Structure formats: structure tokens, C-alpha cells
Amino acid sequence: MATSRPTIYDVAKAAGVSKSLVSLVLRGAGGVSAASREAVERAIRDLDYRPSRAAAALAAGRTRLVGVLIDDYANPWFVDLLRGLDEVLSPGGYRLSVVDTATAAGVEDPVEGLLSMRADGIIVARDVPHVLLGDTAPPFVIAGTRADVPDGVDAVGNDDVLGARLATEHLLALGHREIGHLSVVGGAGQTRRESFLATMQDAEALARATAYRGPATERAGYDTSLALLREHPGVTAIFAANDVMAIGALGAARELGRDVPRDLSIVGYDNTALAQTRLIDLTTVDDDSVGVGREAGKLLRARLAGEDPVDVRRTLEPSLVVRGTTASLG
């Protein structure tokens, strides 16, 4: 029959001291006599007591918990972001708690849930929830491009204007003159769309841009690509706002009998693990999402160390990765 794990009260009883004195010994605090410390340590060994890390953190006023707010578990961009965050935060003893605010909607307010867990800080990889703008909210850092960054909040993102221009200029250099763009409303998608349109206008080329109202998913890329290619059969290339929408475009091209890249070139954005697979081999923009995670983690650690927010804005430079889904128009 299994026995319950010993508690701090059991240690105190075995050592003949108070619970608060046991806590002082566990924290390595001063003011404890040698005899009492020895009695407590002996009781800990005899009982094989293992202190609760969560309870110790709460007693110290820190949980070592960092919340991460995202809006789409299916988007592999977040995997790279989390990898970068973990590289920086784990060595400091911080644990990540990830909440997809899209799937959690209607069940419990995910932000309130993190606050009730007393998260030390939060990484926001979506639009900023209003509740975080209050005076009692923990420090937070924005990861990724957002239209409105509140004063006093640090943010790390990719140069989406440059990245979209690199993708569009690549297609133009291949001879494509009627190019479609798959995007969503708001955030990085909006910035990339505007840069695409500006680049196309400068080149006096024909832009066919969409603005899907919803998350930038594979299904969104598939549906918008089908509509785009049916309405504008002269489109010979598509630049998608992210890799998962680009993969949806690949599916639409196959359904319509458009060979990629012979009949239709496709470019994504994010350089996710999916884009790098030999099966998909997607031309895409590398936005250094792991680096975004690292930098966001560094900024949050600085805030947790007591540094005041100073509106730090870090922008990482993207690069174009050419693979097998783009080719010269011919």
C-alpha cells in the first residue's frame, strides 16, 4: 500500500521545531542555531523529505512561471519561438506555460488563468489583451509584429516590410508580372501585405491581394488560393503571408492542375520546419523566429530582474531562402 509523501509539518514534528524554522533551514537563512539546523537536516534525511518547488517559489514571492500567449497551436512558427524562449529562460529556472487563446476561448479566460497562477511574466505572441495593460499585471514582452505596441512595453519582431519585399522582388526577378498575395487582417500579415502592394506598384506589376478575416491557417490558404486562381487565372505566382498558408496554396494548385513551380510559383514566410522538408521544399522568408524568442526572453528576464521598461524595440533582419517551389516564368 502506497504511503503519502512526508510534508514540512512531518519534518517539523520529527525535529521538534516549528514549521517556520524548517522553512528557514530550507532557504538557507540565518538566525538558526547549529543544533536546530542539525535536527532539521537529520529529520529531512530520515524522512526522505523533498520540498515542493512550487511552494518554495510562492513563499519567495516568485513562481518561476512564464506564460506564453499564442493564437494558433497549428502554426509551427510558434514552435521555433518557444525554442528560443526556452533557451534563454530555462537556465534561469523558468518554466513556460503556453496558452492558445483561440482554442481556449469560451472555456476560461486564458489570460486570467495565467494571472491566477501568479505567472512572473508573460510573452505575448498575439494582440495584447486589455487586462495586461492594468497596473497590477506582471511584466510582459511582445513577440512578433503588432500594429499597436503600448508605451512602456518591450517588443521583438521581424522586419516584415523587408521580408515581404524580398519575397516579392524574387518573384518579379523570375519574370512574374501578375502575382497573388494571401494575407490576413492585422498584425504581421497586414504589414507584409502593404509591403507587397508597395513593391508591386513600384514595379508597375499587377497585384492580386487577398485579406482573409481569420487566422492564417492552411485551410485559409487553400480556400483563398482556390478563389484567387479561379477569379484570376493569369496569376503565375503566389506570395503567402506565412508557410502554412503557402502549403494551403500548394493544395489548391494541385486541385486545379497547376504544376508547381512550372505553372505556378509559391513563396511562404517563416522558414518553418515544414517548409524545410524535402517533400514540400518551400521557397520562403526566414524571419529568425528562434532569434525572436531568444531576444524576447532576454528582455523579459531583464524586466523580472527589476529593470524598468524603456520601450525597447528590437527588429531582426529576414533573409530569403530559395527552394523548389519557385522558378522562372517561361
C-alpha atoms as a PDB file:
ATOM      1  CA  MET A   1       0.000   0.000   0.000  1.00  0.00           C
ATOM      2  CA  ALA A   2       1.418   3.381  -1.025  1.00  0.00           C
ATOM      3  CA  THR A   3       2.220   5.843   1.730  1.00  0.00           C
ATOM      4  CA  SER A   4       1.829   9.592   1.453  1.00  0.00           C
ATOM      5  CA  ARG A   5       4.889  11.744   0.934  1.00  0.00           C
ATOM      6  CA  PRO A   6       6.198  13.449   4.063  1.00  0.00           C
ATOM      7  CA  THR A   7       5.318  17.097   4.479  1.00  0.00           C
ATOM      8  CA  ILE A   8       7.101  20.045   6.036  1.00  0.00           C
ATOM      9  CA  TYR A   9       4.904  19.511   9.085  1.00  0.00           C
ATOM     10  CA  ASP A  10       6.246  15.951   9.444  1.00  0.00           C
ATOM     11  CA  VAL A  11       9.793  17.300   9.335  1.00  0.00           C
ATOM     12  CA  ALA A  12       8.991  19.900  11.981  1.00  0.00           C
ATOM     13  CA  LYS A  13       7.440  17.275  14.260  1.00  0.00           C
ATOM     14  CA  ALA A  14      10.372  14.861  13.852  1.00  0.00           C
ATOM     15  CA  ALA A  15      12.896  17.618  14.531  1.00  0.00           C
ATOM     16  CA  GLY A  16      10.909  19.058  17.431  1.00  0.00           C
ATOM     17  CA  VAL A  17      10.809  22.536  15.901  1.00  0.00           C
ATOM     18  CA  SER A  18       8.273  24.824  14.247  1.00  0.00           C
ATOM     19  CA  LYS A  19       7.323  24.771  10.567  1.00  0.00           C
ATOM     20  CA  SER A  20       8.690  28.293  10.120  1.00  0.00           C
ATOM     21  CA  LEU A  21      12.079  27.212  11.420  1.00  0.00           C
ATOM     22  CA  VAL A  22      12.130  24.313   8.929  1.00  0.00           C
ATOM     23  CA  SER A  23      11.379  26.865   6.194  1.00  0.00           C
ATOM     24  CA  LEU A  24      14.342  28.970   7.329  1.00  0.00           C
ATOM     25  CA  VAL A  25      16.636  25.935   7.104  1.00  0.00           C
ATOM     26  CA  LEU A  26      15.328  25.025   3.634  1.00  0.00           C
ATOM     27  CA  ARG A  27      16.004  28.573   2.423  1.00  0.00           C
ATOM     28  CA  GLY A  28      19.478  28.604   3.970  1.00  0.00           C
ATOM     29  CA  ALA A  29      18.545  31.624   6.061  1.00  0.00           C
ATOM     30  CA  GLY A  30      20.494  32.775   9.080  1.00  0.00           C
ATOM     31  CA  GLY A  31      19.303  33.053  12.638  1.00  0.00           C
ATOM     32  CA  VAL A  32      19.032  29.274  13.199  1.00  0.00           C
ATOM     33  CA  SER A  33      21.107  27.604  15.886  1.00  0.00           C
ATOM     34  CA  ALA A  34      23.502  24.844  14.892  1.00  0.00           C
ATOM     35  CA  ALA A  35      21.587  22.296  16.996  1.00  0.00           C
ATOM     36  CA  SER A  36      18.231  23.162  15.438  1.00  0.00           C
ATOM     37  CA  ARG A  37      19.673  23.146  11.908  1.00  0.00           C
ATOM     38  CA  GLU A  38      21.240  19.733  12.527  1.00  0.00           C
ATOM     39  CA  ALA A  39      17.936  18.366  13.889  1.00  0.00           C
ATOM     40  CA  VAL A  40      16.032  19.593  10.852  1.00  0.00           C
ATOM     41  CA  GLU A  41      18.583  18.238   8.388  1.00  0.00           C
ATOM     42  CA  ARG A  42      18.560  14.868  10.176  1.00  0.00           C
ATOM     43  CA  ALA A  43      14.750  14.726  10.001  1.00  0.00           C
ATOM     44  CA  ILE A  44      14.853  15.580   6.278  1.00  0.00           C
ATOM     45  CA  ARG A  45      17.280  12.698   5.646  1.00  0.00           C
ATOM     46  CA  ASP A  46      15.394  10.210   7.797  1.00  0.00           C
ATOM     47  CA  LEU A  47      12.034  11.024   6.219  1.00  0.00           C
ATOM     48  CA  ASP A  48      13.469  11.389   2.696  1.00  0.00           C
ATOM     49  CA  TYR A  49      11.637  14.702   2.506  1.00  0.00           C
ATOM     50  CA  ARG A  50      11.633  16.568  -0.800  1.00  0.00           C
ATOM     51  CA  PRO A  51      10.415  20.159  -0.585  1.00  0.00           C
ATOM     52  CA  SER A  52       7.789  21.366  -3.014  1.00  0.00           C
ATOM     53  CA  ARG A  53       9.449  23.648  -5.545  1.00  0.00           C
ATOM     54  CA  ALA A  54       6.115  25.333  -6.249  1.00  0.00           C
ATOM     55  CA  ALA A  55       5.502  26.045  -2.579  1.00  0.00           C
ATOM     56  CA  ALA A  56       9.040  27.346  -2.142  1.00  0.00           C
ATOM     57  CA  ALA A  57       8.628  29.653  -5.112  1.00  0.00           C
ATOM     58  CA  LEU A  58       5.358  31.017  -3.765  1.00  0.00           C
ATOM     59  CA  ALA A  59       6.927  31.575  -0.370  1.00  0.00           C
ATOM     60  CA  ALA A  60       9.711  33.524  -2.044  1.00  0.00           C
ATOM     61  CA  GLY A  61       7.187  35.612  -3.967  1.00  0.00           C
ATOM     62  CA  ARG A  62       8.127  34.094  -7.333  1.00  0.00           C
ATOM     63  CA  THR A  63       6.578  31.172  -9.213  1.00  0.00           C
ATOM     64  CA  ARG A  64       9.281  30.932 -11.919  1.00  0.00           C
ATOM     65  CA  LEU A  65       6.384  30.585 -14.352  1.00  0.00           C
ATOM     66  CA  VAL A  66       6.306  32.483 -17.642  1.00  0.00           C
ATOM     67  CA  GLY A  67       3.095  32.461 -19.627  1.00  0.00           C
ATOM     68  CA  VAL A  68       3.170  32.461 -23.424  1.00  0.00           C
ATOM     69  CA  LEU A  69       0.059  33.654 -25.245  1.00  0.00           C
ATOM     70  CA  ILE A  70      -0.307  32.435 -28.840  1.00  0.00           C
ATOM     71  CA  ASP A  71      -3.286  32.231 -31.172  1.00  0.00           C
ATOM     72  CA  ASP A  72      -2.760  29.076 -33.232  1.00  0.00           C
ATOM     73  CA  TYR A  73      -1.238  25.800 -31.988  1.00  0.00           C
ATOM     74  CA  ALA A  74      -1.169  24.522 -35.583  1.00  0.00           C
ATOM     75  CA  ASN A  75       1.247  27.218 -36.763  1.00  0.00           C
ATOM     76  CA  PRO A  76       4.808  25.839 -36.481  1.00  0.00           C
ATOM     77  CA  TRP A  77       6.187  29.384 -36.203  1.00  0.00           C
ATOM     78  CA  PHE A  78       5.325  29.207 -32.530  1.00  0.00           C
ATOM     79  CA  VAL A  79       7.454  26.068 -32.115  1.00  0.00           C
ATOM     80  CA  ASP A  80      10.571  27.993 -33.127  1.00  0.00           C
ATOM     81  CA  LEU A  81       9.556  30.939 -30.948  1.00  0.00           C
ATOM     82  CA  LEU A  82       9.204  28.615 -27.942  1.00  0.00           C
ATOM     83  CA  ARG A  83      12.571  27.032 -28.657  1.00  0.00           C
ATOM     84  CA  GLY A  84      14.232  30.439 -28.486  1.00  0.00           C
ATOM     85  CA  LEU A  85      12.361  31.377 -25.321  1.00  0.00           C
ATOM     86  CA  ASP A  86      13.298  28.109 -23.633  1.00  0.00           C
ATOM     87  CA  GLU A  87      16.994  28.553 -24.466  1.00  0.00           C
ATOM     88  CA  VAL A  88      17.043  31.817 -22.532  1.00  0.00           C
ATOM     89  CA  LEU A  89      14.524  31.238 -19.748  1.00  0.00           C
ATOM     90  CA  SER A  90      15.173  27.613 -18.730  1.00  0.00           C
ATOM     91  CA  PRO A  91      18.720  28.258 -17.424  1.00  0.00           C
ATOM     92  CA  GLY A  92      17.177  30.795 -15.036  1.00  0.00           C
ATOM     93  CA  GLY A  93      14.787  28.166 -13.681  1.00  0.00           C
ATOM     94  CA  TYR A  94      11.734  29.500 -15.512  1.00  0.00           C
ATOM     95  CA  ARG A  95       9.028  27.178 -16.839  1.00  0.00           C
ATOM     96  CA  LEU A  96       6.855  28.026 -19.833  1.00  0.00           C
ATOM     97  CA  SER A  97       3.081  27.691 -19.767  1.00  0.00           C
ATOM     98  CA  VAL A  98       1.650  28.025 -23.272  1.00  0.00           C
ATOM     99  CA  VAL A  99      -1.953  29.060 -23.889  1.00  0.00           C
ATOM    100  CA  ASP A 100      -3.611  29.131 -27.311  1.00  0.00           C
ATOM    101  CA  THR A 101      -6.096  31.941 -26.807  1.00  0.00           C
ATOM    102  CA  ALA A 102      -8.085  30.874 -29.882  1.00  0.00           C
ATOM    103  CA  THR A 103      -8.840  27.332 -28.688  1.00  0.00           C
ATOM    104  CA  ALA A 104      -9.231  28.398 -25.054  1.00  0.00           C
ATOM    105  CA  ALA A 105     -11.906  30.956 -25.867  1.00  0.00           C
ATOM    106  CA  GLY A 106     -15.240  30.241 -24.225  1.00  0.00           C
ATOM    107  CA  VAL A 107     -13.760  27.837 -21.671  1.00  0.00           C
ATOM    108  CA  GLU A 108     -11.973  30.198 -19.317  1.00  0.00           C
ATOM    109  CA  ASP A 109     -10.262  33.499 -19.872  1.00  0.00           C
ATOM    110  CA  PRO A 110      -6.726  32.241 -20.610  1.00  0.00           C
ATOM    111  CA  VAL A 111      -5.037  35.442 -19.512  1.00  0.00           C
ATOM    112  CA  GLU A 112      -6.925  35.497 -16.229  1.00  0.00           C
ATOM    113  CA  GLY A 113      -5.883  31.874 -15.807  1.00  0.00           C
ATOM    114  CA  LEU A 114      -2.228  32.787 -16.082  1.00  0.00           C
ATOM    115  CA  LEU A 115      -2.682  35.670 -13.691  1.00  0.00           C
ATOM    116  CA  SER A 116      -4.369  33.399 -11.165  1.00  0.00           C
ATOM    117  CA  MET A 117      -1.360  31.073 -11.414  1.00  0.00           C
ATOM    118  CA  ARG A 118       0.768  34.082 -10.465  1.00  0.00           C
ATOM    119  CA  ALA A 119       2.930  33.955 -13.575  1.00  0.00           C
ATOM    120  CA  ASP A 120       6.054  36.070 -13.048  1.00  0.00           C
ATOM    121  CA  GLY A 121       5.889  37.386 -16.606  1.00  0.00           C
ATOM    122  CA  ILE A 122       4.181  36.853 -19.939  1.00  0.00           C
ATOM    123  CA  ILE A 123       5.310  36.654 -23.568  1.00  0.00           C
ATOM    124  CA  VAL A 124       2.555  37.937 -25.844  1.00  0.00           C
ATOM    125  CA  ALA A 125       2.657  36.483 -29.361  1.00  0.00           C
ATOM    126  CA  ARG A 126      -0.742  37.839 -30.412  1.00  0.00           C
ATOM    127  CA  ASP A 127      -2.661  41.087 -29.959  1.00  0.00           C
ATOM    128  CA  VAL A 128      -2.186  42.466 -26.462  1.00  0.00           C
ATOM    129  CA  PRO A 129      -5.094  41.562 -24.136  1.00  0.00           C
ATOM    130  CA  HIS A 130      -6.559  44.595 -22.403  1.00  0.00           C
ATOM    131  CA  VAL A 131      -6.191  43.006 -18.960  1.00  0.00           C
ATOM    132  CA  LEU A 132      -2.390  43.175 -19.263  1.00  0.00           C
ATOM    133  CA  LEU A 133      -2.478  46.951 -19.525  1.00  0.00           C
ATOM    134  CA  GLY A 134      -3.511  47.354 -15.896  1.00  0.00           C
ATOM    135  CA  ASP A 135      -1.154  48.392 -13.110  1.00  0.00           C
ATOM    136  CA  THR A 136      -1.361  45.003 -11.379  1.00  0.00           C
ATOM    137  CA  ALA A 137      -0.397  42.919 -14.421  1.00  0.00           C
ATOM    138  CA  PRO A 138       3.018  41.196 -14.470  1.00  0.00           C
ATOM    139  CA  PRO A 139       5.761  42.356 -16.878  1.00  0.00           C
ATOM    140  CA  PHE A 140       5.252  41.256 -20.467  1.00  0.00           C
ATOM    141  CA  VAL A 141       7.105  41.402 -23.773  1.00  0.00           C
ATOM    142  CA  ILE A 142       5.556  41.332 -27.233  1.00  0.00           C
ATOM    143  CA  ALA A 143       6.983  38.788 -29.681  1.00  0.00           C
ATOM    144  CA  GLY A 144       6.194  39.385 -33.333  1.00  0.00           C
ATOM    145  CA  THR A 145       4.828  42.344 -35.268  1.00  0.00           C
ATOM    146  CA  ARG A 146       1.792  44.084 -33.793  1.00  0.00           C
ATOM    147  CA  ALA A 147       0.089  47.220 -35.037  1.00  0.00           C
ATOM    148  CA  ASP A 148      -0.178  48.871 -31.631  1.00  0.00           C
ATOM    149  CA  VAL A 149       2.585  48.391 -29.063  1.00  0.00           C
ATOM    150  CA  PRO A 150       1.659  50.068 -25.755  1.00  0.00           C
ATOM    151  CA  ASP A 151       4.004  52.643 -24.257  1.00  0.00           C
ATOM    152  CA  GLY A 152       6.452  51.202 -21.759  1.00  0.00           C
ATOM    153  CA  VAL A 153       6.329  47.712 -23.275  1.00  0.00           C
ATOM    154  CA  ASP A 154       9.270  45.997 -24.965  1.00  0.00           C
ATOM    155  CA  ALA A 155       8.805  44.204 -28.280  1.00  0.00           C
ATOM    156  CA  VAL A 156      10.822  41.981 -30.592  1.00  0.00           C
ATOM    157  CA  GLY A 157       9.864  41.330 -34.184  1.00  0.00           C
ATOM    158  CA  ASN A 158      10.986  40.666 -37.695  1.00  0.00           C
ATOM    159  CA  ASP A 159      11.417  43.344 -40.351  1.00  0.00           C
ATOM    160  CA  ASP A 160       8.246  42.314 -42.153  1.00  0.00           C
ATOM    161  CA  VAL A 161       8.466  45.173 -44.622  1.00  0.00           C
ATOM    162  CA  LEU A 162      11.874  43.994 -45.817  1.00  0.00           C
ATOM    163  CA  GLY A 163      10.875  40.326 -45.752  1.00  0.00           C
ATOM    164  CA  ALA A 164       7.805  40.857 -47.915  1.00  0.00           C
ATOM    165  CA  ARG A 165       9.833  42.970 -50.328  1.00  0.00           C
ATOM    166  CA  LEU A 166      12.463  40.206 -50.646  1.00  0.00           C
ATOM    167  CA  ALA A 167       9.765  37.643 -51.474  1.00  0.00           C
ATOM    168  CA  THR A 168       8.018  39.890 -53.986  1.00  0.00           C
ATOM    169  CA  GLU A 169      11.215  41.030 -55.697  1.00  0.00           C
ATOM    170  CA  HIS A 170      12.282  37.397 -56.041  1.00  0.00           C
ATOM    171  CA  LEU A 171       9.115  36.588 -57.967  1.00  0.00           C
ATOM    172  CA  LEU A 172       9.422  39.713 -60.080  1.00  0.00           C
ATOM    173  CA  ALA A 173      13.026  38.837 -60.923  1.00  0.00           C
ATOM    174  CA  LEU A 174      11.814  35.436 -62.160  1.00  0.00           C
ATOM    175  CA  GLY A 175       9.600  37.227 -64.680  1.00  0.00           C
ATOM    176  CA  HIS A 176       6.224  37.021 -62.918  1.00  0.00           C
ATOM    177  CA  ARG A 177       4.082  40.099 -63.569  1.00  0.00           C
ATOM    178  CA  GLU A 178       0.696  39.059 -62.156  1.00  0.00           C
ATOM    179  CA  ILE A 179       1.234  37.926 -58.603  1.00  0.00           C
ATOM    180  CA  GLY A 180      -1.259  36.936 -55.937  1.00  0.00           C
ATOM    181  CA  HIS A 181      -0.831  37.507 -52.235  1.00  0.00           C
ATOM    182  CA  LEU A 182      -2.504  35.587 -49.408  1.00  0.00           C
ATOM    183  CA  SER A 183      -2.807  37.524 -46.186  1.00  0.00           C
ATOM    184  CA  VAL A 184      -4.917  38.129 -43.105  1.00  0.00           C
ATOM    185  CA  VAL A 185      -6.214  41.281 -41.454  1.00  0.00           C
ATOM    186  CA  GLY A 186      -3.978  42.826 -38.803  1.00  0.00           C
ATOM    187  CA  GLY A 187      -0.593  42.077 -37.264  1.00  0.00           C
ATOM    188  CA  ALA A 188       2.356  40.893 -39.318  1.00  0.00           C
ATOM    189  CA  GLY A 189       0.060  39.795 -42.136  1.00  0.00           C
ATOM    190  CA  GLN A 190      -1.150  43.338 -42.661  1.00  0.00           C
ATOM    191  CA  THR A 191       2.390  44.720 -42.691  1.00  0.00           C
ATOM    192  CA  ARG A 192       3.536  42.105 -45.220  1.00  0.00           C
ATOM    193  CA  ARG A 193       0.517  42.802 -47.422  1.00  0.00           C
ATOM    194  CA  GLU A 194       1.217  46.528 -47.501  1.00  0.00           C
ATOM    195  CA  SER A 195       4.868  45.932 -48.371  1.00  0.00           C
ATOM    196  CA  PHE A 196       3.862  43.521 -51.150  1.00  0.00           C
ATOM    197  CA  LEU A 197       1.492  46.085 -52.670  1.00  0.00           C
ATOM    198  CA  ALA A 198       4.083  48.845 -52.496  1.00  0.00           C
ATOM    199  CA  THR A 199       6.734  46.677 -54.165  1.00  0.00           C
ATOM    200  CA  MET A 200       4.326  45.630 -56.913  1.00  0.00           C
ATOM    201  CA  GLN A 201       3.330  49.240 -57.517  1.00  0.00           C
ATOM    202  CA  ASP A 202       6.963  50.312 -57.818  1.00  0.00           C
ATOM    203  CA  ALA A 203       7.474  47.543 -60.401  1.00  0.00           C
ATOM    204  CA  GLU A 204       4.255  48.503 -62.235  1.00  0.00           C
ATOM    205  CA  ALA A 205       3.146  44.886 -61.948  1.00  0.00           C
ATOM    206  CA  LEU A 206      -0.365  43.513 -61.390  1.00  0.00           C
ATOM    207  CA  ALA A 207      -1.092  42.693 -57.727  1.00  0.00           C
ATOM    208  CA  ARG A 208      -3.910  40.366 -56.703  1.00  0.00           C
ATOM    209  CA  ALA A 209      -4.038  40.625 -52.918  1.00  0.00           C
ATOM    210  CA  THR A 210      -6.457  38.957 -50.534  1.00  0.00           C
ATOM    211  CA  ALA A 211      -7.156  39.753 -46.871  1.00  0.00           C
ATOM    212  CA  TYR A 212      -8.667  36.751 -45.076  1.00  0.00           C
ATOM    213  CA  ARG A 213     -10.617  37.587 -41.918  1.00  0.00           C
ATOM    214  CA  GLY A 214      -9.472  34.893 -39.554  1.00  0.00           C
ATOM    215  CA  PRO A 215      -6.331  33.014 -38.528  1.00  0.00           C
ATOM    216  CA  ALA A 216      -3.625  32.404 -41.124  1.00  0.00           C
ATOM    217  CA  THR A 217      -4.144  28.647 -41.367  1.00  0.00           C
ATOM    218  CA  GLU A 218      -3.536  26.035 -44.044  1.00  0.00           C
ATOM    219  CA  ARG A 219      -7.284  25.930 -44.743  1.00  0.00           C
ATOM    220  CA  ALA A 220      -7.346  29.710 -45.147  1.00  0.00           C
ATOM    221  CA  GLY A 221      -4.505  29.450 -47.654  1.00  0.00           C
ATOM    222  CA  TYR A 222      -6.293  26.682 -49.546  1.00  0.00           C
ATOM    223  CA  ASP A 223      -9.652  28.452 -49.729  1.00  0.00           C
ATOM    224  CA  THR A 224      -8.273  31.862 -50.677  1.00  0.00           C
ATOM    225  CA  SER A 225      -5.932  30.351 -53.278  1.00  0.00           C
ATOM    226  CA  LEU A 226      -8.770  28.463 -54.946  1.00  0.00           C
ATOM    227  CA  ALA A 227     -10.837  31.638 -55.146  1.00  0.00           C
ATOM    228  CA  LEU A 228      -7.886  33.722 -56.298  1.00  0.00           C
ATOM    229  CA  LEU A 229      -6.768  31.371 -59.061  1.00  0.00           C
ATOM    230  CA  ARG A 230     -10.298  30.797 -60.335  1.00  0.00           C
ATOM    231  CA  GLU A 231     -11.050  34.517 -60.452  1.00  0.00           C
ATOM    232  CA  HIS A 232      -7.626  35.481 -61.841  1.00  0.00           C
ATOM    233  CA  PRO A 233      -6.298  32.612 -63.992  1.00  0.00           C
ATOM    234  CA  GLY A 234      -3.479  34.877 -65.200  1.00  0.00           C
ATOM    235  CA  VAL A 235      -1.766  34.708 -61.814  1.00  0.00           C
ATOM    236  CA  THR A 236       1.546  32.865 -62.203  1.00  0.00           C
ATOM    237  CA  ALA A 237       2.910  33.268 -58.676  1.00  0.00           C
ATOM    238  CA  ILE A 238       1.624  33.482 -55.115  1.00  0.00           C
ATOM    239  CA  PHE A 239       3.295  35.009 -52.088  1.00  0.00           C
ATOM    240  CA  ALA A 240       1.654  33.818 -48.863  1.00  0.00           C
ATOM    241  CA  ALA A 241       1.818  35.659 -45.530  1.00  0.00           C
ATOM    242  CA  ASN A 242       3.175  32.540 -43.817  1.00  0.00           C
ATOM    243  CA  ASP A 243       4.271  28.987 -44.558  1.00  0.00           C
ATOM    244  CA  VAL A 244       1.044  27.266 -43.540  1.00  0.00           C
ATOM    245  CA  MET A 245      -0.981  29.442 -45.925  1.00  0.00           C
ATOM    246  CA  ALA A 246       1.584  28.655 -48.628  1.00  0.00           C
ATOM    247  CA  ILE A 247       1.057  24.936 -48.013  1.00  0.00           C
ATOM    248  CA  GLY A 248      -2.665  25.520 -48.466  1.00  0.00           C
ATOM    249  CA  ALA A 249      -1.844  27.210 -51.775  1.00  0.00           C
ATOM    250  CA  LEU A 250       0.105  24.115 -52.832  1.00  0.00           C
ATOM    251  CA  GLY A 251      -3.009  22.029 -52.224  1.00  0.00           C
ATOM    252  CA  ALA A 252      -5.173  24.408 -54.227  1.00  0.00           C
ATOM    253  CA  ALA A 253      -2.689  24.381 -57.116  1.00  0.00           C
ATOM    254  CA  ARG A 254      -2.757  20.591 -57.214  1.00  0.00           C
ATOM    255  CA  GLU A 255      -6.570  20.540 -57.241  1.00  0.00           C
ATOM    256  CA  LEU A 256      -6.643  22.985 -60.147  1.00  0.00           C
ATOM    257  CA  GLY A 257      -3.983  21.081 -62.099  1.00  0.00           C
ATOM    258  CA  ARG A 258      -1.394  23.857 -61.770  1.00  0.00           C
ATOM    259  CA  ASP A 259       2.101  22.391 -61.594  1.00  0.00           C
ATOM    260  CA  VAL A 260       4.440  23.970 -59.032  1.00  0.00           C
ATOM    261  CA  PRO A 261       6.776  25.582 -59.989  1.00  0.00           C
ATOM    262  CA  ARG A 262       6.310  25.151 -63.751  1.00  0.00           C
ATOM    263  CA  ASP A 263       2.834  26.725 -63.884  1.00  0.00           C
ATOM    264  CA  LEU A 264       2.746  28.479 -60.541  1.00  0.00           C
ATOM    265  CA  SER A 265       5.488  29.683 -58.208  1.00  0.00           C
ATOM    266  CA  ILE A 266       4.741  29.850 -54.477  1.00  0.00           C
ATOM    267  CA  VAL A 267       6.610  31.651 -51.687  1.00  0.00           C
ATOM    268  CA  GLY A 268       5.900  31.400 -47.965  1.00  0.00           C
ATOM    269  CA  TYR A 269       7.121  33.232 -44.885  1.00  0.00           C
ATOM    270  CA  ASP A 270       8.721  31.974 -41.625  1.00  0.00           C
ATOM    271  CA  ASN A 271      11.036  29.172 -42.855  1.00  0.00           C
ATOM    272  CA  THR A 272       9.351  26.656 -40.575  1.00  0.00           C
ATOM    273  CA  ALA A 273      10.377  23.019 -40.288  1.00  0.00           C
ATOM    274  CA  LEU A 274       7.566  22.124 -42.699  1.00  0.00           C
ATOM    275  CA  ALA A 275       8.980  24.447 -45.357  1.00  0.00           C
ATOM    276  CA  GLN A 276      12.366  22.785 -44.993  1.00  0.00           C
ATOM    277  CA  THR A 277      11.132  19.234 -45.597  1.00  0.00           C
ATOM    278  CA  ARG A 278      12.221  17.626 -48.860  1.00  0.00           C
ATOM    279  CA  LEU A 279       8.604  16.852 -49.726  1.00  0.00           C
ATOM    280  CA  ILE A 280       7.446  20.488 -49.592  1.00  0.00           C
ATOM    281  CA  ASP A 281      10.782  22.229 -50.308  1.00  0.00           C
ATOM    282  CA  LEU A 282       9.162  25.642 -50.000  1.00  0.00           C
ATOM    283  CA  THR A 283      10.813  28.892 -51.018  1.00  0.00           C
ATOM    284  CA  THR A 284      10.243  31.158 -48.051  1.00  0.00           C
ATOM    285  CA  VAL A 285      11.466  34.085 -45.962  1.00  0.00           C
ATOM    286  CA  ASP A 286      13.479  33.183 -42.890  1.00  0.00           C
ATOM    287  CA  ASP A 287      12.355  35.578 -40.147  1.00  0.00           C
ATOM    288  CA  ASP A 288      14.664  34.109 -37.483  1.00  0.00           C
ATOM    289  CA  SER A 289      11.764  33.088 -35.253  1.00  0.00           C
ATOM    290  CA  VAL A 290      14.119  31.297 -32.846  1.00  0.00           C
ATOM    291  CA  GLY A 291      16.037  34.558 -32.540  1.00  0.00           C
ATOM    292  CA  VAL A 292      12.807  36.440 -31.853  1.00  0.00           C
ATOM    293  CA  GLY A 293      12.186  34.030 -28.983  1.00  0.00           C
ATOM    294  CA  ARG A 294      15.695  34.464 -27.612  1.00  0.00           C
ATOM    295  CA  GLU A 295      15.525  38.258 -27.683  1.00  0.00           C
ATOM    296  CA  ALA A 296      12.036  38.335 -26.159  1.00  0.00           C
ATOM    297  CA  GLY A 297      13.250  36.024 -23.393  1.00  0.00           C
ATOM    298  CA  LYS A 298      16.236  38.266 -22.678  1.00  0.00           C
ATOM    299  CA  LEU A 299      14.051  41.349 -22.431  1.00  0.00           C
ATOM    300  CA  LEU A 300      11.614  39.619 -20.089  1.00  0.00           C
ATOM    301  CA  ARG A 301      14.429  38.386 -17.841  1.00  0.00           C
ATOM    302  CA  ALA A 302      15.707  41.950 -17.641  1.00  0.00           C
ATOM    303  CA  ARG A 303      12.269  43.158 -16.560  1.00  0.00           C
ATOM    304  CA  LEU A 304      11.979  40.360 -13.994  1.00  0.00           C
ATOM    305  CA  ALA A 305      15.368  41.404 -12.640  1.00  0.00           C
ATOM    306  CA  GLY A 306      13.881  44.804 -11.833  1.00  0.00           C
ATOM    307  CA  GLU A 307      14.794  46.911 -14.854  1.00  0.00           C
ATOM    308  CA  ASP A 308      12.110  49.407 -15.813  1.00  0.00           C
ATOM    309  CA  PRO A 309      10.511  49.150 -19.264  1.00  0.00           C
ATOM    310  CA  VAL A 310      12.148  51.523 -21.704  1.00  0.00           C
ATOM    311  CA  ASP A 311      10.219  50.819 -24.899  1.00  0.00           C
ATOM    312  CA  VAL A 312      12.901  48.592 -26.369  1.00  0.00           C
ATOM    313  CA  ARG A 313      12.106  47.722 -29.984  1.00  0.00           C
ATOM    314  CA  ARG A 314      14.307  45.030 -31.488  1.00  0.00           C
ATOM    315  CA  THR A 315      13.871  44.213 -35.158  1.00  0.00           C
ATOM    316  CA  LEU A 316      15.605  41.176 -36.644  1.00  0.00           C
ATOM    317  CA  GLU A 317      16.565  41.126 -40.315  1.00  0.00           C
ATOM    318  CA  PRO A 318      14.990  38.437 -42.526  1.00  0.00           C
ATOM    319  CA  SER A 319      16.550  36.577 -45.437  1.00  0.00           C
ATOM    320  CA  LEU A 320      15.160  34.816 -48.488  1.00  0.00           C
ATOM    321  CA  VAL A 321      15.580  31.038 -48.754  1.00  0.00           C
ATOM    322  CA  VAL A 322      15.099  29.828 -52.330  1.00  0.00           C
ATOM    323  CA  ARG A 323      13.954  26.226 -52.743  1.00  0.00           C
ATOM    324  CA  GLY A 324      11.914  24.221 -55.184  1.00  0.00           C
ATOM    325  CA  THR A 325       8.558  25.998 -55.338  1.00  0.00           C
ATOM    326  CA  THR A 326       9.693  28.973 -57.427  1.00  0.00           C
ATOM    327  CA  ALA A 327      11.026  29.085 -60.975  1.00  0.00           C
ATOM    328  CA  SER A 328      11.445  31.466 -63.883  1.00  0.00           C
ATOM    329  CA  LEU A 329       8.320  32.210 -65.871  1.00  0.00           C
ATOM    330  CA  GLY A 330       8.662  30.514 -69.201  1.00  0.00           C
END
